[in-house]
Amino acid sequence: MKDYSFYLQGSEEKGVLLVHGLTGTPSEMRFIGKQLNKMGFTVYAPTLAGHCLDEAALLKTTYEDWLESLRLALYDFKKRVNNVSAAGICVGGALALHLAYQENGQIDKVVIYAPALDYDGWNQSWWSRYARIFKDALIHIPAVKNKRFQETHPFGVKDDRVRKFIENPANAEGALPYFPAQSLYQNYRLNDALKKELPKIKVPTLLIHAKDDDVSNPRNSYFIQRHHGGPCEVVILEDSYHMIHVDRERHKVAELTGRFFGA
């Protein structure tokens, strides 16, 4: 079984745990990882439980399993570096912040790229905004439970060249080209847990969101900022869609992340 995780050695003092998104792979974090490594950070991007295999493997997992696999990665990473911060895209960022709260003091700072408490971006179906409200009933309907939600153009990416690269199956090894309804349900469960914790979360947090995010509206970041119990900043980008860590402003995302983590 191929391991998609990657590790980039840098300073023994400062490490960054990078967390990929739902149905994604650690490879999507490689650009950010390389940039942070150039700034001196040691970088570790693990594979979340159930990912990089197939749909059946993913459906066997819950968000608690994803979180536990990230926790084990953190424990392993802490053996190699003295201080760890974490950054993740969308679901990965939510997992990072959730873990930072649970493992109090083990993660210094968190950066979330394009959080999606709701799927309410400009390219989302109107009914997807209400799926969260009725999720516990909908998930028991067979036609919904077994549904796969395909991503549609522009696939979270504004840059044409980057989008063409991502759309090539050869460059998406290990990733699923759709979102199983049961996995989206687990994401909503994660978001519900995170919302309850926000007022008690003290870890310094940076939220980076594109103004024109096609998947999740920037109001998701502002919601987190309003309810966060500690220092929490929001930066809005002007020339990207949802996948800000690979899109047109990826260099700025890396720079903001490194600066926040104390590069």
C-alpha atoms as a PDB file:
ATOM      1  CA  MET A   1       0.000   0.000   0.000  1.00  0.00           C
ATOM      2  CA  LYS A   2       1.459   3.338  -1.079  1.00  0.00           C
ATOM      3  CA  ASP A   3       2.093   5.950   1.595  1.00  0.00           C
ATOM      4  CA  TYR A   4       1.214   9.437   0.375  1.00  0.00           C
ATOM      5  CA  SER A   5       2.454  11.178   3.515  1.00  0.00           C
ATOM      6  CA  PHE A   6       5.542  13.361   3.231  1.00  0.00           C
ATOM      7  CA  TYR A   7       8.122  14.740   5.646  1.00  0.00           C
ATOM      8  CA  LEU A   8      10.507  17.655   5.028  1.00  0.00           C
ATOM      9  CA  GLN A   9      13.295  18.111   7.559  1.00  0.00           C
ATOM     10  CA  GLY A  10      14.017  21.602   8.796  1.00  0.00           C
ATOM     11  CA  SER A  11      14.420  23.167  12.223  1.00  0.00           C
ATOM     12  CA  GLU A  12      14.124  20.924  15.274  1.00  0.00           C
ATOM     13  CA  GLU A  13      12.515  23.853  17.076  1.00  0.00           C
ATOM     14  CA  LYS A  14       9.543  24.579  14.788  1.00  0.00           C
ATOM     15  CA  GLY A  15       7.398  22.084  12.943  1.00  0.00           C
ATOM     16  CA  VAL A  16       4.204  22.381  10.904  1.00  0.00           C
ATOM     17  CA  LEU A  17       1.616  19.622  10.664  1.00  0.00           C
ATOM     18  CA  LEU A  18      -0.216  19.951   7.326  1.00  0.00           C
ATOM     19  CA  VAL A  19      -3.677  18.417   6.987  1.00  0.00           C
ATOM     20  CA  HIS A  20      -5.264  17.605   3.635  1.00  0.00           C
ATOM     21  CA  GLY A  21      -8.963  17.889   2.865  1.00  0.00           C
ATOM     22  CA  LEU A  22     -11.831  15.412   2.660  1.00  0.00           C
ATOM     23  CA  THR A  23     -11.249  12.813  -0.106  1.00  0.00           C
ATOM     24  CA  GLY A  24      -7.900  14.494  -0.803  1.00  0.00           C
ATOM     25  CA  THR A  25      -4.287  13.433  -0.281  1.00  0.00           C
ATOM     26  CA  PRO A  26      -1.210  14.904   1.424  1.00  0.00           C
ATOM     27  CA  SER A  27       0.117  15.698  -2.060  1.00  0.00           C
ATOM     28  CA  GLU A  28      -2.229  18.686  -2.281  1.00  0.00           C
ATOM     29  CA  MET A  29      -0.295  20.240   0.613  1.00  0.00           C
ATOM     30  CA  ARG A  30       3.112  19.785  -1.014  1.00  0.00           C
ATOM     31  CA  PHE A  31       3.477  23.316  -2.412  1.00  0.00           C
ATOM     32  CA  ILE A  32       2.709  24.906   0.970  1.00  0.00           C
ATOM     33  CA  GLY A  33       4.952  22.343   2.629  1.00  0.00           C
ATOM     34  CA  LYS A  34       7.921  23.139   0.405  1.00  0.00           C
ATOM     35  CA  GLN A  35       7.513  26.881   0.934  1.00  0.00           C
ATOM     36  CA  LEU A  36       7.343  26.475   4.712  1.00  0.00           C
ATOM     37  CA  ASN A  37      10.353  24.181   4.631  1.00  0.00           C
ATOM     38  CA  LYS A  38      12.316  26.890   2.762  1.00  0.00           C
ATOM     39  CA  MET A  39      11.454  29.197   5.678  1.00  0.00           C
ATOM     40  CA  GLY A  40      13.111  26.722   8.034  1.00  0.00           C
ATOM     41  CA  PHE A  41      10.153  24.699   9.317  1.00  0.00           C
ATOM     42  CA  THR A  42      10.135  20.935   9.551  1.00  0.00           C
ATOM     43  CA  VAL A  43       6.973  19.817   7.769  1.00  0.00           C
ATOM     44  CA  TYR A  44       4.899  16.667   8.170  1.00  0.00           C
ATOM     45  CA  ALA A  45       1.808  15.935   6.068  1.00  0.00           C
ATOM     46  CA  PRO A  46       0.194  12.654   7.199  1.00  0.00           C
ATOM     47  CA  THR A  47      -2.604  10.698   5.538  1.00  0.00           C
ATOM     48  CA  LEU A  48      -5.949  10.823   7.334  1.00  0.00           C
ATOM     49  CA  ALA A  49      -7.629   7.530   8.213  1.00  0.00           C
ATOM     50  CA  GLY A  50      -9.620   5.996   5.357  1.00  0.00           C
ATOM     51  CA  HIS A  51      -8.083   8.242   2.716  1.00  0.00           C
ATOM     52  CA  CYS A  52      -5.906   7.467  -0.317  1.00  0.00           C
ATOM     53  CA  LEU A  53      -7.409   3.995  -0.708  1.00  0.00           C
ATOM     54  CA  ASP A  54     -10.924   3.712  -2.124  1.00  0.00           C
ATOM     55  CA  GLU A  55     -14.490   4.690  -1.295  1.00  0.00           C
ATOM     56  CA  ALA A  56     -15.111   1.533   0.750  1.00  0.00           C
ATOM     57  CA  ALA A  57     -12.166   2.337   3.020  1.00  0.00           C
ATOM     58  CA  LEU A  58     -13.321   5.927   3.500  1.00  0.00           C
ATOM     59  CA  LEU A  59     -16.887   4.872   4.327  1.00  0.00           C
ATOM     60  CA  LYS A  60     -15.605   2.669   7.147  1.00  0.00           C
ATOM     61  CA  THR A  61     -14.339   5.759   8.959  1.00  0.00           C
ATOM     62  CA  THR A  62     -15.935   8.530  10.979  1.00  0.00           C
ATOM     63  CA  TYR A  63     -14.587  11.987  11.712  1.00  0.00           C
ATOM     64  CA  GLU A  64     -13.391  10.585  15.044  1.00  0.00           C
ATOM     65  CA  ASP A  65     -11.188   8.155  13.087  1.00  0.00           C
ATOM     66  CA  TRP A  66      -9.778  11.016  10.991  1.00  0.00           C
ATOM     67  CA  LEU A  67      -9.091  12.946  14.177  1.00  0.00           C
ATOM     68  CA  GLU A  68      -7.443   9.982  15.898  1.00  0.00           C
ATOM     69  CA  SER A  69      -5.108   9.393  12.947  1.00  0.00           C
ATOM     70  CA  LEU A  70      -4.132  13.073  13.112  1.00  0.00           C
ATOM     71  CA  ARG A  71      -3.586  12.773  16.859  1.00  0.00           C
ATOM     72  CA  LEU A  72      -1.204   9.846  16.362  1.00  0.00           C
ATOM     73  CA  ALA A  73       0.638  11.832  13.696  1.00  0.00           C
ATOM     74  CA  LEU A  74       0.973  14.733  16.151  1.00  0.00           C
ATOM     75  CA  TYR A  75       2.374  12.458  18.871  1.00  0.00           C
ATOM     76  CA  ASP A  76       4.929  11.069  16.427  1.00  0.00           C
ATOM     77  CA  PHE A  77       5.847  14.544  15.177  1.00  0.00           C
ATOM     78  CA  LYS A  78       6.344  15.878  18.711  1.00  0.00           C
ATOM     79  CA  LYS A  79       9.118  13.314  19.156  1.00  0.00           C
ATOM     80  CA  ARG A  80      11.085  15.034  16.383  1.00  0.00           C
ATOM     81  CA  VAL A  81      10.400  18.751  16.866  1.00  0.00           C
ATOM     82  CA  ASN A  82       9.932  20.852  19.978  1.00  0.00           C
ATOM     83  CA  ASN A  83       7.053  23.080  18.845  1.00  0.00           C
ATOM     84  CA  VAL A  84       4.253  22.180  16.439  1.00  0.00           C
ATOM     85  CA  SER A  85       1.710  24.363  14.665  1.00  0.00           C
ATOM     86  CA  ALA A  86      -0.910  23.027  12.247  1.00  0.00           C
ATOM     87  CA  ALA A  87      -2.508  24.158   9.000  1.00  0.00           C
ATOM     88  CA  GLY A  88      -5.192  22.500   6.909  1.00  0.00           C
ATOM     89  CA  ILE A  89      -7.531  23.030   4.008  1.00  0.00           C
ATOM     90  CA  CYS A  90     -11.277  23.045   4.742  1.00  0.00           C
ATOM     91  CA  VAL A  91     -12.073  19.828   6.672  1.00  0.00           C
ATOM     92  CA  GLY A  92      -8.360  19.407   7.387  1.00  0.00           C
ATOM     93  CA  GLY A  93      -8.270  22.800   9.052  1.00  0.00           C
ATOM     94  CA  ALA A  94     -11.328  22.003  11.166  1.00  0.00           C
ATOM     95  CA  LEU A  95      -9.648  18.783  12.313  1.00  0.00           C
ATOM     96  CA  ALA A  96      -6.487  20.714  13.179  1.00  0.00           C
ATOM     97  CA  LEU A  97      -8.367  23.235  15.327  1.00  0.00           C
ATOM     98  CA  HIS A  98     -10.455  20.503  16.965  1.00  0.00           C
ATOM     99  CA  LEU A  99      -7.264  18.593  17.833  1.00  0.00           C
ATOM    100  CA  ALA A 100      -5.547  21.736  19.136  1.00  0.00           C
ATOM    101  CA  TYR A 101      -8.413  22.176  21.585  1.00  0.00           C
ATOM    102  CA  GLN A 102      -8.385  18.544  22.699  1.00  0.00           C
ATOM    103  CA  GLU A 103      -4.592  18.363  22.987  1.00  0.00           C
ATOM    104  CA  ASN A 104      -4.287  21.568  24.975  1.00  0.00           C
ATOM    105  CA  GLY A 105      -0.815  23.069  24.638  1.00  0.00           C
ATOM    106  CA  GLN A 106       0.472  20.524  22.127  1.00  0.00           C
ATOM    107  CA  ILE A 107      -0.285  22.690  19.075  1.00  0.00           C
ATOM    108  CA  ASP A 108       0.945  26.281  19.276  1.00  0.00           C
ATOM    109  CA  LYS A 109      -1.061  27.896  16.460  1.00  0.00           C
ATOM    110  CA  VAL A 110      -3.548  26.894  13.755  1.00  0.00           C
ATOM    111  CA  VAL A 111      -4.174  28.177  10.232  1.00  0.00           C
ATOM    112  CA  ILE A 112      -7.349  27.141   8.412  1.00  0.00           C
ATOM    113  CA  TYR A 113      -7.599  27.563   4.675  1.00  0.00           C
ATOM    114  CA  ALA A 114     -11.195  28.143   3.511  1.00  0.00           C
ATOM    115  CA  PRO A 115     -13.199  26.621   6.382  1.00  0.00           C
ATOM    116  CA  ALA A 116     -16.554  25.141   5.377  1.00  0.00           C
ATOM    117  CA  LEU A 117     -18.957  24.951   8.282  1.00  0.00           C
ATOM    118  CA  ASP A 118     -21.581  25.224   5.528  1.00  0.00           C
ATOM    119  CA  TYR A 119     -21.313  24.564   1.803  1.00  0.00           C
ATOM    120  CA  ASP A 120     -22.662  27.958   0.815  1.00  0.00           C
ATOM    121  CA  GLY A 121     -20.276  29.205  -1.855  1.00  0.00           C
ATOM    122  CA  TRP A 122     -21.501  30.711  -5.128  1.00  0.00           C
ATOM    123  CA  ASN A 123     -21.173  27.391  -7.017  1.00  0.00           C
ATOM    124  CA  GLN A 124     -23.143  25.260  -4.540  1.00  0.00           C
ATOM    125  CA  SER A 125     -26.728  24.046  -5.004  1.00  0.00           C
ATOM    126  CA  TRP A 126     -29.339  25.933  -3.007  1.00  0.00           C
ATOM    127  CA  TRP A 127     -30.401  22.783  -1.182  1.00  0.00           C
ATOM    128  CA  SER A 128     -26.855  22.069   0.043  1.00  0.00           C
ATOM    129  CA  ARG A 129     -27.216  25.021   2.410  1.00  0.00           C
ATOM    130  CA  TYR A 130     -30.035  23.207   4.197  1.00  0.00           C
ATOM    131  CA  ALA A 131     -28.459  19.744   4.215  1.00  0.00           C
ATOM    132  CA  ARG A 132     -26.751  20.475   7.537  1.00  0.00           C
ATOM    133  CA  ILE A 133     -30.060  21.249   9.218  1.00  0.00           C
ATOM    134  CA  PHE A 134     -31.739  18.003   8.163  1.00  0.00           C
ATOM    135  CA  LYS A 135     -28.629  15.805   7.992  1.00  0.00           C
ATOM    136  CA  ASP A 136     -29.645  13.381  10.756  1.00  0.00           C
ATOM    137  CA  ALA A 137     -32.881  12.530   8.950  1.00  0.00           C
ATOM    138  CA  LEU A 138     -31.518  12.608   5.403  1.00  0.00           C
ATOM    139  CA  ILE A 139     -28.633  10.233   6.084  1.00  0.00           C
ATOM    140  CA  HIS A 140     -31.093   7.405   6.816  1.00  0.00           C
ATOM    141  CA  ILE A 141     -32.752   7.689   3.405  1.00  0.00           C
ATOM    142  CA  PRO A 142     -31.039   5.085   1.147  1.00  0.00           C
ATOM    143  CA  ALA A 143     -31.129   7.322  -1.932  1.00  0.00           C
ATOM    144  CA  VAL A 144     -29.299  10.021   0.011  1.00  0.00           C
ATOM    145  CA  LYS A 145     -27.026   7.801   2.090  1.00  0.00           C
ATOM    146  CA  ASN A 146     -25.513   6.144  -0.982  1.00  0.00           C
ATOM    147  CA  LYS A 147     -25.297   9.275  -3.100  1.00  0.00           C
ATOM    148  CA  ARG A 148     -22.018  10.616  -4.480  1.00  0.00           C
ATOM    149  CA  PHE A 149     -21.652  14.345  -4.971  1.00  0.00           C
ATOM    150  CA  GLN A 150     -19.493  15.227  -7.952  1.00  0.00           C
ATOM    151  CA  GLU A 151     -17.464  18.412  -7.991  1.00  0.00           C
ATOM    152  CA  THR A 152     -18.311  20.754 -10.850  1.00  0.00           C
ATOM    153  CA  HIS A 153     -16.400  23.373 -12.792  1.00  0.00           C
ATOM    154  CA  PRO A 154     -14.332  25.323 -11.698  1.00  0.00           C
ATOM    155  CA  PHE A 155     -13.436  22.659  -9.089  1.00  0.00           C
ATOM    156  CA  GLY A 156     -12.379  25.220  -6.498  1.00  0.00           C
ATOM    157  CA  VAL A 157      -9.610  26.631  -8.671  1.00  0.00           C
ATOM    158  CA  LYS A 158      -9.571  29.979 -10.491  1.00  0.00           C
ATOM    159  CA  ASP A 159      -6.258  29.498 -12.295  1.00  0.00           C
ATOM    160  CA  ASP A 160      -6.820  27.686 -15.609  1.00  0.00           C
ATOM    161  CA  ARG A 161      -3.376  26.096 -15.707  1.00  0.00           C
ATOM    162  CA  VAL A 162      -3.608  24.737 -12.178  1.00  0.00           C
ATOM    163  CA  ARG A 163      -7.143  23.473 -12.823  1.00  0.00           C
ATOM    164  CA  LYS A 164      -6.060  21.539 -15.908  1.00  0.00           C
ATOM    165  CA  PHE A 165      -3.249  19.970 -13.895  1.00  0.00           C
ATOM    166  CA  ILE A 166      -5.641  18.896 -11.133  1.00  0.00           C
ATOM    167  CA  GLU A 167      -8.225  17.554 -13.598  1.00  0.00           C
ATOM    168  CA  ASN A 168      -5.662  15.151 -15.071  1.00  0.00           C
ATOM    169  CA  PRO A 169      -6.292  11.779 -13.326  1.00  0.00           C
ATOM    170  CA  ALA A 170      -2.559  11.077 -13.403  1.00  0.00           C
ATOM    171  CA  ASN A 171      -2.039  14.019 -11.043  1.00  0.00           C
ATOM    172  CA  ALA A 172      -4.796  13.023  -8.627  1.00  0.00           C
ATOM    173  CA  GLU A 173      -3.553   9.616  -7.542  1.00  0.00           C
ATOM    174  CA  GLY A 174      -5.070   8.559  -4.227  1.00  0.00           C
ATOM    175  CA  ALA A 175      -7.861  11.152  -4.280  1.00  0.00           C
ATOM    176  CA  LEU A 176     -11.549  10.451  -4.829  1.00  0.00           C
ATOM    177  CA  PRO A 177     -13.192  12.484  -7.624  1.00  0.00           C
ATOM    178  CA  TYR A 178     -16.431  12.824  -5.638  1.00  0.00           C
ATOM    179  CA  PHE A 179     -17.750  13.203  -2.077  1.00  0.00           C
ATOM    180  CA  PRO A 180     -19.736  10.295  -0.614  1.00  0.00           C
ATOM    181  CA  ALA A 181     -22.798  11.533   1.273  1.00  0.00           C
ATOM    182  CA  GLN A 182     -21.814   9.525   4.345  1.00  0.00           C
ATOM    183  CA  SER A 183     -18.442  11.298   4.494  1.00  0.00           C
ATOM    184  CA  LEU A 184     -20.082  14.698   4.136  1.00  0.00           C
ATOM    185  CA  TYR A 185     -22.334  13.682   7.018  1.00  0.00           C
ATOM    186  CA  GLN A 186     -19.219  13.021   9.115  1.00  0.00           C
ATOM    187  CA  ASN A 187     -17.936  16.450   8.164  1.00  0.00           C
ATOM    188  CA  TYR A 188     -21.147  18.036   9.449  1.00  0.00           C
ATOM    189  CA  ARG A 189     -20.766  16.089  12.702  1.00  0.00           C
ATOM    190  CA  LEU A 190     -17.219  17.441  13.015  1.00  0.00           C
ATOM    191  CA  ASN A 191     -18.458  20.972  12.400  1.00  0.00           C
ATOM    192  CA  ASP A 192     -21.152  20.623  15.062  1.00  0.00           C
ATOM    193  CA  ALA A 193     -18.553  19.497  17.601  1.00  0.00           C
ATOM    194  CA  LEU A 194     -16.227  22.347  16.648  1.00  0.00           C
ATOM    195  CA  LYS A 195     -18.962  24.975  16.954  1.00  0.00           C
ATOM    196  CA  LYS A 196     -19.638  23.887  20.532  1.00  0.00           C
ATOM    197  CA  GLU A 197     -15.946  24.136  21.372  1.00  0.00           C
ATOM    198  CA  LEU A 198     -15.193  27.502  19.741  1.00  0.00           C
ATOM    199  CA  PRO A 199     -15.865  29.711  22.800  1.00  0.00           C
ATOM    200  CA  LYS A 200     -13.422  27.571  24.816  1.00  0.00           C
ATOM    201  CA  ILE A 201     -10.679  27.475  22.177  1.00  0.00           C
ATOM    202  CA  LYS A 202      -7.729  29.717  23.071  1.00  0.00           C
ATOM    203  CA  VAL A 203      -5.089  28.637  20.529  1.00  0.00           C
ATOM    204  CA  PRO A 204      -4.156  31.552  18.218  1.00  0.00           C
ATOM    205  CA  THR A 205      -5.859  30.978  14.882  1.00  0.00           C
ATOM    206  CA  LEU A 206      -5.559  32.481  11.407  1.00  0.00           C
ATOM    207  CA  LEU A 207      -8.351  32.006   8.862  1.00  0.00           C
ATOM    208  CA  ILE A 208      -7.515  32.612   5.194  1.00  0.00           C
ATOM    209  CA  HIS A 209     -10.481  32.735   2.825  1.00  0.00           C
ATOM    210  CA  ALA A 210     -11.067  33.813  -0.772  1.00  0.00           C
ATOM    211  CA  LYS A 211     -13.634  36.520  -1.368  1.00  0.00           C
ATOM    212  CA  ASP A 212     -14.992  34.518  -4.325  1.00  0.00           C
ATOM    213  CA  ASP A 213     -14.825  31.050  -2.742  1.00  0.00           C
ATOM    214  CA  ASP A 214     -17.054  28.768  -4.834  1.00  0.00           C
ATOM    215  CA  VAL A 215     -17.505  26.172  -2.084  1.00  0.00           C
ATOM    216  CA  SER A 216     -17.794  28.081   1.192  1.00  0.00           C
ATOM    217  CA  ASN A 217     -18.635  31.730   1.683  1.00  0.00           C
ATOM    218  CA  PRO A 218     -16.213  33.861   3.762  1.00  0.00           C
ATOM    219  CA  ARG A 219     -19.002  34.162   6.336  1.00  0.00           C
ATOM    220  CA  ASN A 220     -17.756  30.756   7.548  1.00  0.00           C
ATOM    221  CA  SER A 221     -14.461  32.339   8.615  1.00  0.00           C
ATOM    222  CA  TYR A 222     -16.171  35.309  10.222  1.00  0.00           C
ATOM    223  CA  PHE A 223     -18.454  32.951  12.168  1.00  0.00           C
ATOM    224  CA  ILE A 224     -15.411  31.165  13.593  1.00  0.00           C
ATOM    225  CA  GLN A 225     -13.755  34.483  14.428  1.00  0.00           C
ATOM    226  CA  ARG A 226     -16.835  35.803  16.263  1.00  0.00           C
ATOM    227  CA  HIS A 227     -17.209  32.698  18.419  1.00  0.00           C
ATOM    228  CA  HIS A 228     -13.526  31.867  18.931  1.00  0.00           C
ATOM    229  CA  GLY A 229     -12.390  32.202  22.535  1.00  0.00           C
ATOM    230  CA  GLY A 230      -8.874  33.444  21.800  1.00  0.00           C
ATOM    231  CA  PRO A 231      -6.858  35.471  19.269  1.00  0.00           C
ATOM    232  CA  CYS A 232      -8.360  34.893  15.828  1.00  0.00           C
ATOM    233  CA  GLU A 233      -7.578  36.724  12.584  1.00  0.00           C
ATOM    234  CA  VAL A 234      -9.246  36.631   9.158  1.00  0.00           C
ATOM    235  CA  VAL A 235      -7.464  37.435   5.888  1.00  0.00           C
ATOM    236  CA  ILE A 236      -9.522  37.701   2.693  1.00  0.00           C
ATOM    237  CA  LEU A 237      -7.903  36.965  -0.680  1.00  0.00           C
ATOM    238  CA  GLU A 238      -8.966  38.711  -3.887  1.00  0.00           C
ATOM    239  CA  ASP A 239      -7.928  36.364  -6.702  1.00  0.00           C
ATOM    240  CA  SER A 240      -8.639  32.747  -5.766  1.00  0.00           C
ATOM    241  CA  TYR A 241     -11.481  30.276  -5.306  1.00  0.00           C
ATOM    242  CA  HIS A 242     -11.783  27.566  -2.634  1.00  0.00           C
ATOM    243  CA  MET A 243      -8.448  25.774  -3.070  1.00  0.00           C
ATOM    244  CA  ILE A 244      -6.399  28.764  -1.992  1.00  0.00           C
ATOM    245  CA  HIS A 245      -3.357  26.663  -1.106  1.00  0.00           C
ATOM    246  CA  VAL A 246      -2.851  25.729  -4.789  1.00  0.00           C
ATOM    247  CA  ASP A 247      -4.593  28.578  -6.606  1.00  0.00           C
ATOM    248  CA  ARG A 248      -3.302  31.937  -7.900  1.00  0.00           C
ATOM    249  CA  GLU A 249      -2.417  33.327  -4.465  1.00  0.00           C
ATOM    250  CA  ARG A 250      -0.715  30.199  -3.129  1.00  0.00           C
ATOM    251  CA  HIS A 251       2.562  32.083  -2.569  1.00  0.00           C
ATOM    252  CA  LYS A 252       0.726  34.633  -0.443  1.00  0.00           C
ATOM    253  CA  VAL A 253      -0.994  31.832   1.485  1.00  0.00           C
ATOM    254  CA  ALA A 254       2.380  30.265   2.240  1.00  0.00           C
ATOM    255  CA  GLU A 255       3.846  33.630   3.249  1.00  0.00           C
ATOM    256  CA  LEU A 256       0.924  34.423   5.574  1.00  0.00           C
ATOM    257  CA  THR A 257       1.153  30.958   7.108  1.00  0.00           C
ATOM    258  CA  GLY A 258       4.891  31.139   7.724  1.00  0.00           C
ATOM    259  CA  ARG A 259       4.687  34.625   9.168  1.00  0.00           C
ATOM    260  CA  PHE A 260       1.875  33.604  11.517  1.00  0.00           C
ATOM    261  CA  PHE A 261       3.862  30.584  12.684  1.00  0.00           C
ATOM    262  CA  GLY A 262       6.885  32.768  13.389  1.00  0.00           C
ATOM    263  CA  ALA A 263       9.118  32.209  10.361  1.00  0.00           C
END
